[in-house]
Amino acid sequence: MASRGEVKKYLAHWFQLGKGVISEPDGALYLPKGIIQGDRYSDEFEQCWQALMHANSNMLHLRGTQQSLADLLSPLWEIASCARCEMPIPLTYKQLPSAP
C-alpha cells in the first residue's frame, strides 16, 4: 500500500513531466507550474496537493491514464522506484497496468 507521502512524491514527478490530474465532473486540470522550491515542495504544489486531498479522489484521474487518485491511495497499489532511473512508478498488486 502506498502512503500519502509516496503518492505525493509520485505526483510531484508526474507534474514535473508536464502531466496533470483531471477532475471528471468539471474537467478541471490540476497542474502546478512550480513543484520544487529549494529543498522542499513549492507553496503552489502544496496548495494543489491539499486541493486534491479534499476533492473526491474517485473523480480525479492522472491525465493520459486510467488511474484515479483513489486507485493510488488504495491498498491494491504501491509506489516503487524504477530499476533504471529511480523515478517512482505505480504498481498494482492485482495485475500489471494495462495502460502506461
PDB file of N, CA and C in Angstrom:
ATOM      1  N   MET A   1       0.845  -1.181   0.000  1.00  0.00           N
ATOM      2  CA  MET A   1       0.000   0.000   0.000  1.00  0.00           C
ATOM      3  C   MET A   1       0.883   1.234   0.000  1.00  0.00           C
ATOM      4  N   ALA A   2       0.584   2.146  -0.903  1.00  0.00           N
ATOM      5  CA  ALA A   2       1.344   3.389  -0.987  1.00  0.00           C
ATOM      6  C   ALA A   2       0.877   4.357   0.098  1.00  0.00           C
ATOM      7  N   SER A   3       1.827   4.993   0.734  1.00  0.00           N
ATOM      8  CA  SER A   3       1.483   6.001   1.727  1.00  0.00           C
ATOM      9  C   SER A   3       1.136   7.310   1.007  1.00  0.00           C
ATOM     10  N   ARG A   4       0.496   8.212   1.725  1.00  0.00           N
ATOM     11  CA  ARG A   4       0.187   9.518   1.138  1.00  0.00           C
ATOM     12  C   ARG A   4       1.464  10.239   0.721  1.00  0.00           C
ATOM     13  N   GLY A   5       2.519  10.084   1.493  1.00  0.00           N
ATOM     14  CA  GLY A   5       3.800  10.709   1.162  1.00  0.00           C
ATOM     15  C   GLY A   5       4.375  10.191  -0.146  1.00  0.00           C
ATOM     16  N   GLU A   6       4.245   8.882  -0.368  1.00  0.00           N
ATOM     17  CA  GLU A   6       4.739   8.287  -1.611  1.00  0.00           C
ATOM     18  C   GLU A   6       3.912   8.759  -2.809  1.00  0.00           C
ATOM     19  N   VAL A   7       2.601   8.847  -2.629  1.00  0.00           N
ATOM     20  CA  VAL A   7       1.734   9.330  -3.707  1.00  0.00           C
ATOM     21  C   VAL A   7       2.037  10.797  -3.987  1.00  0.00           C
ATOM     22  N   LYS A   8       2.279  11.563  -2.959  1.00  0.00           N
ATOM     23  CA  LYS A   8       2.626  12.979  -3.127  1.00  0.00           C
ATOM     24  C   LYS A   8       3.922  13.114  -3.925  1.00  0.00           C
ATOM     25  N   LYS A   9       4.917  12.308  -3.589  1.00  0.00           N
ATOM     26  CA  LYS A   9       6.192  12.327  -4.316  1.00  0.00           C
ATOM     27  C   LYS A   9       5.979  11.920  -5.780  1.00  0.00           C
ATOM     28  N   TYR A  10       5.156  10.889  -5.982  1.00  0.00           N
ATOM     29  CA  TYR A  10       4.864  10.445  -7.345  1.00  0.00           C
ATOM     30  C   TYR A  10       4.195  11.566  -8.145  1.00  0.00           C
ATOM     31  N   LEU A  11       3.212  12.242  -7.544  1.00  0.00           N
ATOM     32  CA  LEU A  11       2.531  13.341  -8.241  1.00  0.00           C
ATOM     33  C   LEU A  11       3.480  14.490  -8.524  1.00  0.00           C
ATOM     34  N   ALA A  12       4.430  14.741  -7.643  1.00  0.00           N
ATOM     35  CA  ALA A  12       5.426  15.791  -7.902  1.00  0.00           C
ATOM     36  C   ALA A  12       6.211  15.460  -9.172  1.00  0.00           C
ATOM     37  N   HIS A  13       6.611  14.219  -9.311  1.00  0.00           N
ATOM     38  CA  HIS A  13       7.306  13.794 -10.537  1.00  0.00           C
ATOM     39  C   HIS A  13       6.370  13.887 -11.745  1.00  0.00           C
ATOM     40  N   TRP A  14       5.139  13.462 -11.569  1.00  0.00           N
ATOM     41  CA  TRP A  14       4.141  13.473 -12.645  1.00  0.00           C
ATOM     42  C   TRP A  14       3.952  14.903 -13.171  1.00  0.00           C
ATOM     43  N   PHE A  15       3.820  15.847 -12.241  1.00  0.00           N
ATOM     44  CA  PHE A  15       3.636  17.246 -12.623  1.00  0.00           C
ATOM     45  C   PHE A  15       4.893  17.803 -13.299  1.00  0.00           C
ATOM     46  N   GLN A  16       6.061  17.393 -12.859  1.00  0.00           N
ATOM     47  CA  GLN A  16       7.295  17.869 -13.478  1.00  0.00           C
ATOM     48  C   GLN A  16       7.416  17.399 -14.917  1.00  0.00           C
ATOM     49  N   LEU A  17       6.755  16.306 -15.254  1.00  0.00           N
ATOM     50  CA  LEU A  17       6.740  15.821 -16.634  1.00  0.00           C
ATOM     51  C   LEU A  17       5.737  16.588 -17.496  1.00  0.00           C
ATOM     52  N   GLY A  18       5.021  17.537 -16.881  1.00  0.00           N
ATOM     53  CA  GLY A  18       4.044  18.339 -17.612  1.00  0.00           C
ATOM     54  C   GLY A  18       2.683  17.689 -17.730  1.00  0.00           C
ATOM     55  N   LYS A  19       2.472  16.641 -16.953  1.00  0.00           N
ATOM     56  CA  LYS A  19       1.185  15.949 -16.968  1.00  0.00           C
ATOM     57  C   LYS A  19       0.409  16.367 -15.738  1.00  0.00           C
ATOM     58  N   GLY A  20      -0.881  16.351 -15.819  1.00  0.00           N
ATOM     59  CA  GLY A  20      -1.697  16.820 -14.715  1.00  0.00           C
ATOM     60  C   GLY A  20      -2.667  15.782 -14.207  1.00  0.00           C
ATOM     61  N   VAL A  21      -3.531  16.235 -13.348  1.00  0.00           N
ATOM     62  CA  VAL A  21      -4.614  15.433 -12.802  1.00  0.00           C
ATOM     63  C   VAL A  21      -5.912  16.110 -13.227  1.00  0.00           C
ATOM     64  N   ILE A  22      -6.819  15.341 -13.802  1.00  0.00           N
ATOM     65  CA  ILE A  22      -8.068  15.884 -14.326  1.00  0.00           C
ATOM     66  C   ILE A  22      -9.222  15.489 -13.411  1.00  0.00           C
ATOM     67  N   SER A  23     -10.090  16.454 -13.137  1.00  0.00           N
ATOM     68  CA  SER A  23     -11.294  16.211 -12.360  1.00  0.00           C
ATOM     69  C   SER A  23     -12.401  15.807 -13.326  1.00  0.00           C
ATOM     70  N   GLU A  24     -12.984  14.645 -13.106  1.00  0.00           N
ATOM     71  CA  GLU A  24     -14.027  14.113 -14.005  1.00  0.00           C
ATOM     72  C   GLU A  24     -15.255  15.008 -14.148  1.00  0.00           C
ATOM     73  N   PRO A  25     -15.871  15.459 -13.057  1.00  0.00           N
ATOM     74  CA  PRO A  25     -17.146  16.155 -13.248  1.00  0.00           C
ATOM     75  C   PRO A  25     -17.033  17.459 -14.030  1.00  0.00           C
ATOM     76  N   ASP A  26     -15.992  18.231 -13.784  1.00  0.00           N
ATOM     77  CA  ASP A  26     -15.921  19.551 -14.421  1.00  0.00           C
ATOM     78  C   ASP A  26     -14.775  19.712 -15.408  1.00  0.00           C
ATOM     79  N   GLY A  27     -13.920  18.722 -15.533  1.00  0.00           N
ATOM     80  CA  GLY A  27     -12.815  18.795 -16.477  1.00  0.00           C
ATOM     81  C   GLY A  27     -11.677  19.698 -16.031  1.00  0.00           C
ATOM     82  N   ALA A  28     -11.679  20.115 -14.771  1.00  0.00           N
ATOM     83  CA  ALA A  28     -10.614  20.980 -14.257  1.00  0.00           C
ATOM     84  C   ALA A  28      -9.287  20.224 -14.288  1.00  0.00           C
ATOM     85  N   LEU A  29      -8.230  20.943 -14.643  1.00  0.00           N
ATOM     86  CA  LEU A  29      -6.895  20.361 -14.709  1.00  0.00           C
ATOM     87  C   LEU A  29      -6.059  20.895 -13.561  1.00  0.00           C
ATOM     88  N   TYR A  30      -5.523  19.993 -12.766  1.00  0.00           N
ATOM     89  CA  TYR A  30      -4.591  20.355 -11.702  1.00  0.00           C
ATOM     90  C   TYR A  30      -3.191  20.148 -12.245  1.00  0.00           C
ATOM     91  N   LEU A  31      -2.434  21.227 -12.400  1.00  0.00           N
ATOM     92  CA  LEU A  31      -1.074  21.146 -12.915  1.00  0.00           C
ATOM     93  C   LEU A  31      -0.280  22.368 -12.460  1.00  0.00           C
ATOM     94  N   PRO A  32       0.256  22.310 -11.238  1.00  0.00           N
ATOM     95  CA  PRO A  32       1.040  23.442 -10.763  1.00  0.00           C
ATOM     96  C   PRO A  32       2.310  23.609 -11.590  1.00  0.00           C
ATOM     97  N   LYS A  33       2.720  24.837 -11.791  1.00  0.00           N
ATOM     98  CA  LYS A  33       3.922  25.114 -12.591  1.00  0.00           C
ATOM     99  C   LYS A  33       5.187  24.878 -11.776  1.00  0.00           C
ATOM    100  N   GLY A  34       5.214  25.433 -10.570  1.00  0.00           N
ATOM    101  CA  GLY A  34       6.372  25.254  -9.700  1.00  0.00           C
ATOM    102  C   GLY A  34       6.146  24.079  -8.768  1.00  0.00           C
ATOM    103  N   ILE A  35       7.093  23.154  -8.723  1.00  0.00           N
ATOM    104  CA  ILE A  35       6.941  21.967  -7.888  1.00  0.00           C
ATOM    105  C   ILE A  35       7.933  21.995  -6.720  1.00  0.00           C
ATOM    106  N   ILE A  36       9.164  22.248  -7.030  1.00  0.00           N
ATOM    107  CA  ILE A  36      10.229  22.247  -6.031  1.00  0.00           C
ATOM    108  C   ILE A  36      10.726  23.677  -5.842  1.00  0.00           C
ATOM    109  N   GLN A  37      10.931  24.036  -4.584  1.00  0.00           N
ATOM    110  CA  GLN A  37      11.469  25.355  -4.268  1.00  0.00           C
ATOM    111  C   GLN A  37      12.584  25.136  -3.249  1.00  0.00           C
ATOM    112  N   GLY A  38      13.804  25.202  -3.715  1.00  0.00           N
ATOM    113  CA  GLY A  38      14.939  24.920  -2.841  1.00  0.00           C
ATOM    114  C   GLY A  38      14.975  23.449  -2.468  1.00  0.00           C
ATOM    115  N   ASP A  39      14.848  23.169  -1.175  1.00  0.00           N
ATOM    116  CA  ASP A  39      14.897  21.787  -0.697  1.00  0.00           C
ATOM    117  C   ASP A  39      13.539  21.266  -0.247  1.00  0.00           C
ATOM    118  N   ARG A  40      12.468  21.899  -0.720  1.00  0.00           N
ATOM    119  CA  ARG A  40      11.125  21.481  -0.328  1.00  0.00           C
ATOM    120  C   ARG A  40      10.168  21.674  -1.502  1.00  0.00           C
ATOM    121  N   TYR A  41       8.924  21.231  -1.305  1.00  0.00           N
ATOM    122  CA  TYR A  41       7.899  21.459  -2.315  1.00  0.00           C
ATOM    123  C   TYR A  41       7.487  22.922  -2.285  1.00  0.00           C
ATOM    124  N   SER A  42       7.108  23.449  -3.442  1.00  0.00           N
ATOM    125  CA  SER A  42       6.675  24.842  -3.534  1.00  0.00           C
ATOM    126  C   SER A  42       5.310  25.031  -2.877  1.00  0.00           C
ATOM    127  N   ASP A  43       4.996  26.260  -2.529  1.00  0.00           N
ATOM    128  CA  ASP A  43       3.684  26.567  -1.960  1.00  0.00           C
ATOM    129  C   ASP A  43       2.580  26.225  -2.958  1.00  0.00           C
ATOM    130  N   GLU A  44       2.834  26.469  -4.251  1.00  0.00           N
ATOM    131  CA  GLU A  44       1.840  26.168  -5.289  1.00  0.00           C
ATOM    132  C   GLU A  44       1.542  24.668  -5.332  1.00  0.00           C
ATOM    133  N   PHE A  45       2.587  23.839  -5.250  1.00  0.00           N
ATOM    134  CA  PHE A  45       2.380  22.396  -5.241  1.00  0.00           C
ATOM    135  C   PHE A  45       1.649  21.963  -3.974  1.00  0.00           C
ATOM    136  N   GLU A  46       2.024  22.516  -2.816  1.00  0.00           N
ATOM    137  CA  GLU A  46       1.368  22.169  -1.552  1.00  0.00           C
ATOM    138  C   GLU A  46      -0.119  22.528  -1.583  1.00  0.00           C
ATOM    139  N   GLN A  47      -0.458  23.677  -2.168  1.00  0.00           N
ATOM    140  CA  GLN A  47      -1.865  24.073  -2.292  1.00  0.00           C
ATOM    141  C   GLN A  47      -2.613  23.109  -3.208  1.00  0.00           C
ATOM    142  N   CYS A  48      -1.980  22.716  -4.302  1.00  0.00           N
ATOM    143  CA  CYS A  48      -2.587  21.758  -5.229  1.00  0.00           C
ATOM    144  C   CYS A  48      -2.795  20.418  -4.519  1.00  0.00           C
ATOM    145  N   TRP A  49      -1.810  19.964  -3.780  1.00  0.00           N
ATOM    146  CA  TRP A  49      -1.906  18.701  -3.042  1.00  0.00           C
ATOM    147  C   TRP A  49      -3.077  18.750  -2.060  1.00  0.00           C
ATOM    148  N   GLN A  50      -3.202  19.854  -1.324  1.00  0.00           N
ATOM    149  CA  GLN A  50      -4.300  19.984  -0.370  1.00  0.00           C
ATOM    150  C   GLN A  50      -5.661  19.962  -1.086  1.00  0.00           C
ATOM    151  N   ALA A  51      -5.738  20.638  -2.233  1.00  0.00           N
ATOM    152  CA  ALA A  51      -6.985  20.639  -3.012  1.00  0.00           C
ATOM    153  C   ALA A  51      -7.324  19.221  -3.470  1.00  0.00           C
ATOM    154  N   LEU A  52      -6.326  18.464  -3.897  1.00  0.00           N
ATOM    155  CA  LEU A  52      -6.554  17.085  -4.342  1.00  0.00           C
ATOM    156  C   LEU A  52      -6.995  16.204  -3.177  1.00  0.00           C
ATOM    157  N   MET A  53      -6.430  16.416  -2.004  1.00  0.00           N
ATOM    158  CA  MET A  53      -6.782  15.604  -0.842  1.00  0.00           C
ATOM    159  C   MET A  53      -8.194  15.907  -0.334  1.00  0.00           C
ATOM    160  N   HIS A  54      -8.704  17.093  -0.637  1.00  0.00           N
ATOM    161  CA  HIS A  54     -10.054  17.447  -0.195  1.00  0.00           C
ATOM    162  C   HIS A  54     -11.114  17.180  -1.269  1.00  0.00           C
ATOM    163  N   ALA A  55     -10.679  16.814  -2.457  1.00  0.00           N
ATOM    164  CA  ALA A  55     -11.617  16.506  -3.548  1.00  0.00           C
ATOM    165  C   ALA A  55     -11.989  15.020  -3.487  1.00  0.00           C
ATOM    166  N   ASN A  56     -12.993  14.631  -4.259  1.00  0.00           N
ATOM    167  CA  ASN A  56     -13.384  13.224  -4.359  1.00  0.00           C
ATOM    168  C   ASN A  56     -12.330  12.506  -5.200  1.00  0.00           C
ATOM    169  N   SER A  57     -11.487  11.700  -4.561  1.00  0.00           N
ATOM    170  CA  SER A  57     -10.361  11.077  -5.254  1.00  0.00           C
ATOM    171  C   SER A  57     -10.785  10.072  -6.321  1.00  0.00           C
ATOM    172  N   ASN A  58     -12.021   9.589  -6.265  1.00  0.00           N
ATOM    173  CA  ASN A  58     -12.517   8.694  -7.314  1.00  0.00           C
ATOM    174  C   ASN A  58     -12.740   9.448  -8.616  1.00  0.00           C
ATOM    175  N   MET A  59     -12.931  10.752  -8.546  1.00  0.00           N
ATOM    176  CA  MET A  59     -13.209  11.565  -9.728  1.00  0.00           C
ATOM    177  C   MET A  59     -11.961  12.258 -10.274  1.00  0.00           C
ATOM    178  N   LEU A  60     -10.796  11.970  -9.708  1.00  0.00           N
ATOM    179  CA  LEU A  60      -9.538  12.573 -10.146  1.00  0.00           C
ATOM    180  C   LEU A  60      -8.698  11.520 -10.843  1.00  0.00           C
ATOM    181  N   HIS A  61      -8.365  11.765 -12.109  1.00  0.00           N
ATOM    182  CA  HIS A  61      -7.583  10.806 -12.885  1.00  0.00           C
ATOM    183  C   HIS A  61      -6.287  11.428 -13.362  1.00  0.00           C
ATOM    184  N   LEU A  62      -5.225  10.628 -13.346  1.00  0.00           N
ATOM    185  CA  LEU A  62      -3.972  11.091 -13.887  1.00  0.00           C
ATOM    186  C   LEU A  62      -4.129  11.214 -15.395  1.00  0.00           C
ATOM    187  N   ARG A  63      -3.814  12.373 -15.896  1.00  0.00           N
ATOM    188  CA  ARG A  63      -4.023  12.665 -17.325  1.00  0.00           C
ATOM    189  C   ARG A  63      -3.281  11.658 -18.194  1.00  0.00           C
ATOM    190  N   GLY A  64      -4.006  11.070 -19.130  1.00  0.00           N
ATOM    191  CA  GLY A  64      -3.422  10.104 -20.054  1.00  0.00           C
ATOM    192  C   GLY A  64      -3.402   8.675 -19.540  1.00  0.00           C
ATOM    193  N   THR A  65      -3.999   8.438 -18.383  1.00  0.00           N
ATOM    194  CA  THR A  65      -4.057   7.084 -17.827  1.00  0.00           C
ATOM    195  C   THR A  65      -5.484   6.774 -17.384  1.00  0.00           C
ATOM    196  N   GLN A  66      -5.678   5.565 -16.917  1.00  0.00           N
ATOM    197  CA  GLN A  66      -6.964   5.175 -16.351  1.00  0.00           C
ATOM    198  C   GLN A  66      -6.898   5.150 -14.832  1.00  0.00           C
ATOM    199  N   GLN A  67      -5.775   5.570 -14.261  1.00  0.00           N
ATOM    200  CA  GLN A  67      -5.597   5.536 -12.820  1.00  0.00           C
ATOM    201  C   GLN A  67      -6.235   6.751 -12.160  1.00  0.00           C
ATOM    202  N   SER A  68      -7.000   6.483 -11.120  1.00  0.00           N
ATOM    203  CA  SER A  68      -7.546   7.580 -10.327  1.00  0.00           C
ATOM    204  C   SER A  68      -6.650   7.788  -9.108  1.00  0.00           C
ATOM    205  N   LEU A  69      -6.810   8.924  -8.487  1.00  0.00           N
ATOM    206  CA  LEU A  69      -6.074   9.180  -7.259  1.00  0.00           C
ATOM    207  C   LEU A  69      -6.494   8.172  -6.188  1.00  0.00           C
ATOM    208  N   ALA A  70      -7.764   7.793  -6.189  1.00  0.00           N
ATOM    209  CA  ALA A  70      -8.251   6.781  -5.241  1.00  0.00           C
ATOM    210  C   ALA A  70      -7.538   5.451  -5.462  1.00  0.00           C
ATOM    211  N   ASP A  71      -7.267   5.103  -6.734  1.00  0.00           N
ATOM    212  CA  ASP A  71      -6.525   3.869  -7.021  1.00  0.00           C
ATOM    213  C   ASP A  71      -5.164   3.892  -6.336  1.00  0.00           C
ATOM    214  N   LEU A  72      -4.438   4.988  -6.531  1.00  0.00           N
ATOM    215  CA  LEU A  72      -3.087   5.082  -5.981  1.00  0.00           C
ATOM    216  C   LEU A  72      -3.078   5.036  -4.459  1.00  0.00           C
ATOM    217  N   LEU A  73      -4.138   5.529  -3.845  1.00  0.00           N
ATOM    218  CA  LEU A  73      -4.217   5.554  -2.385  1.00  0.00           C
ATOM    219  C   LEU A  73      -4.826   4.279  -1.795  1.00  0.00           C
ATOM    220  N   SER A  74      -5.267   3.365  -2.656  1.00  0.00           N
ATOM    221  CA  SER A  74      -5.897   2.130  -2.169  1.00  0.00           C
ATOM    222  C   SER A  74      -4.828   1.106  -1.780  1.00  0.00           C
ATOM    223  N   PRO A  75      -5.203   0.108  -0.985  1.00  0.00           N
ATOM    224  CA  PRO A  75      -4.252  -0.932  -0.579  1.00  0.00           C
ATOM    225  C   PRO A  75      -3.762  -1.812  -1.733  1.00  0.00           C
ATOM    226  N   LEU A  76      -4.417  -1.757  -2.887  1.00  0.00           N
ATOM    227  CA  LEU A  76      -4.018  -2.598  -4.019  1.00  0.00           C
ATOM    228  C   LEU A  76      -2.835  -2.031  -4.805  1.00  0.00           C
ATOM    229  N   TRP A  77      -2.421  -0.813  -4.498  1.00  0.00           N
ATOM    230  CA  TRP A  77      -1.352  -0.161  -5.248  1.00  0.00           C
ATOM    231  C   TRP A  77      -0.179   0.163  -4.342  1.00  0.00           C
ATOM    232  N   GLU A  78       0.994   0.172  -4.951  1.00  0.00           N
ATOM    233  CA  GLU A  78       2.188   0.632  -4.253  1.00  0.00           C
ATOM    234  C   GLU A  78       2.997   1.499  -5.220  1.00  0.00           C
ATOM    235  N   ILE A  79       3.855   2.324  -4.670  1.00  0.00           N
ATOM    236  CA  ILE A  79       4.747   3.155  -5.470  1.00  0.00           C
ATOM    237  C   ILE A  79       6.148   2.584  -5.291  1.00  0.00           C
ATOM    238  N   ALA A  80       6.752   2.167  -6.400  1.00  0.00           N
ATOM    239  CA  ALA A  80       8.101   1.598  -6.370  1.00  0.00           C
ATOM    240  C   ALA A  80       9.031   2.487  -7.188  1.00  0.00           C
ATOM    241  N   SER A  81      10.316   2.289  -7.020  1.00  0.00           N
ATOM    242  CA  SER A  81      11.299   3.040  -7.810  1.00  0.00           C
ATOM    243  C   SER A  81      11.644   2.272  -9.071  1.00  0.00           C
ATOM    244  N   CYS A  82      11.743   2.984 -10.180  1.00  0.00           N
ATOM    245  CA  CYS A  82      12.169   2.377 -11.434  1.00  0.00           C
ATOM    246  C   CYS A  82      13.580   1.806 -11.252  1.00  0.00           C
ATOM    247  N   ALA A  83      13.814   0.641 -11.781  1.00  0.00           N
ATOM    248  CA  ALA A  83      15.122  -0.006 -11.643  1.00  0.00           C
ATOM    249  C   ALA A  83      16.215   0.737 -12.399  1.00  0.00           C
ATOM    250  N   ARG A  84      15.835   1.474 -13.422  1.00  0.00           N
ATOM    251  CA  ARG A  84      16.823   2.196 -14.227  1.00  0.00           C
ATOM    252  C   ARG A  84      17.104   3.594 -13.711  1.00  0.00           C
ATOM    253  N   CYS A  85      16.023   4.346 -13.439  1.00  0.00           N
ATOM    254  CA  CYS A  85      16.210   5.773 -13.184  1.00  0.00           C
ATOM    255  C   CYS A  85      15.767   6.231 -11.795  1.00  0.00           C
ATOM    256  N   GLU A  86      15.210   5.336 -10.997  1.00  0.00           N
ATOM    257  CA  GLU A  86      14.745   5.638  -9.646  1.00  0.00           C
ATOM    258  C   GLU A  86      13.491   6.518  -9.598  1.00  0.00           C
ATOM    259  N   MET A  87      12.892   6.818 -10.754  1.00  0.00           N
ATOM    260  CA  MET A  87      11.646   7.572 -10.745  1.00  0.00           C
ATOM    261  C   MET A  87      10.556   6.698 -10.143  1.00  0.00           C
ATOM    262  N   PRO A  88       9.681   7.275  -9.317  1.00  0.00           N
ATOM    263  CA  PRO A  88       8.608   6.462  -8.742  1.00  0.00           C
ATOM    264  C   PRO A  88       7.603   6.027  -9.804  1.00  0.00           C
ATOM    265  N   ILE A  89       7.164   4.775  -9.709  1.00  0.00           N
ATOM    266  CA  ILE A  89       6.162   4.242 -10.633  1.00  0.00           C
ATOM    267  C   ILE A  89       5.096   3.505  -9.824  1.00  0.00           C
ATOM    268  N   PRO A  90       3.834   3.647 -10.221  1.00  0.00           N
ATOM    269  CA  PRO A  90       2.774   2.941  -9.503  1.00  0.00           C
ATOM    270  C   PRO A  90       2.633   1.507 -10.016  1.00  0.00           C
ATOM    271  N   LEU A  91       2.466   0.585  -9.086  1.00  0.00           N
ATOM    272  CA  LEU A  91       2.252  -0.821  -9.417  1.00  0.00           C
ATOM    273  C   LEU A  91       1.057  -1.321  -8.634  1.00  0.00           C
ATOM    274  N   THR A  92       0.290  -2.178  -9.272  1.00  0.00           N
ATOM    275  CA  THR A  92      -0.855  -2.766  -8.587  1.00  0.00           C
ATOM    276  C   THR A  92      -0.531  -4.191  -8.202  1.00  0.00           C
ATOM    277  N   TYR A  93      -1.046  -4.605  -7.058  1.00  0.00           N
ATOM    278  CA  TYR A  93      -0.875  -5.988  -6.619  1.00  0.00           C
ATOM    279  C   TYR A  93      -1.772  -6.922  -7.411  1.00  0.00           C
ATOM    280  N   LYS A  94      -2.891  -6.385  -7.906  1.00  0.00           N
ATOM    281  CA  LYS A  94      -3.896  -7.194  -8.596  1.00  0.00           C
ATOM    282  C   LYS A  94      -3.397  -7.684  -9.956  1.00  0.00           C
ATOM    283  N   GLN A  95      -2.864  -6.779 -10.754  1.00  0.00           N
ATOM    284  CA  GLN A  95      -2.404  -7.128 -12.097  1.00  0.00           C
ATOM    285  C   GLN A  95      -1.490  -6.032 -12.603  1.00  0.00           C
ATOM    286  N   LEU A  96      -0.801  -6.302 -13.669  1.00  0.00           N
ATOM    287  CA  LEU A  96       0.012  -5.271 -14.281  1.00  0.00           C
ATOM    288  C   LEU A  96      -0.876  -4.240 -14.930  1.00  0.00           C
ATOM    289  N   PRO A  97      -0.495  -2.956 -14.886  1.00  0.00           N
ATOM    290  CA  PRO A  97      -1.333  -1.937 -15.516  1.00  0.00           C
ATOM    291  C   PRO A  97      -1.496  -2.203 -17.000  1.00  0.00           C
ATOM    292  N   SER A  98      -2.696  -1.955 -17.519  1.00  0.00           N
ATOM    293  CA  SER A  98      -2.952  -2.208 -18.932  1.00  0.00           C
ATOM    294  C   SER A  98      -2.567  -1.031 -19.807  1.00  0.00           C
ATOM    295  N   ALA A  99      -2.403   0.132 -19.217  1.00  0.00           N
ATOM    296  CA  ALA A  99      -2.024   1.320 -19.977  1.00  0.00           C
ATOM    297  C   ALA A  99      -0.838   1.986 -19.302  1.00  0.00           C
ATOM    298  N   PRO A 100       0.029   2.653 -20.062  1.00  0.00           N
ATOM    299  CA  PRO A 100       1.198   3.305 -19.465  1.00  0.00           C
ATOM    300  C   PRO A 100       0.797   4.471 -18.577  1.00  0.00           C
TER     301      PRO A 100
END
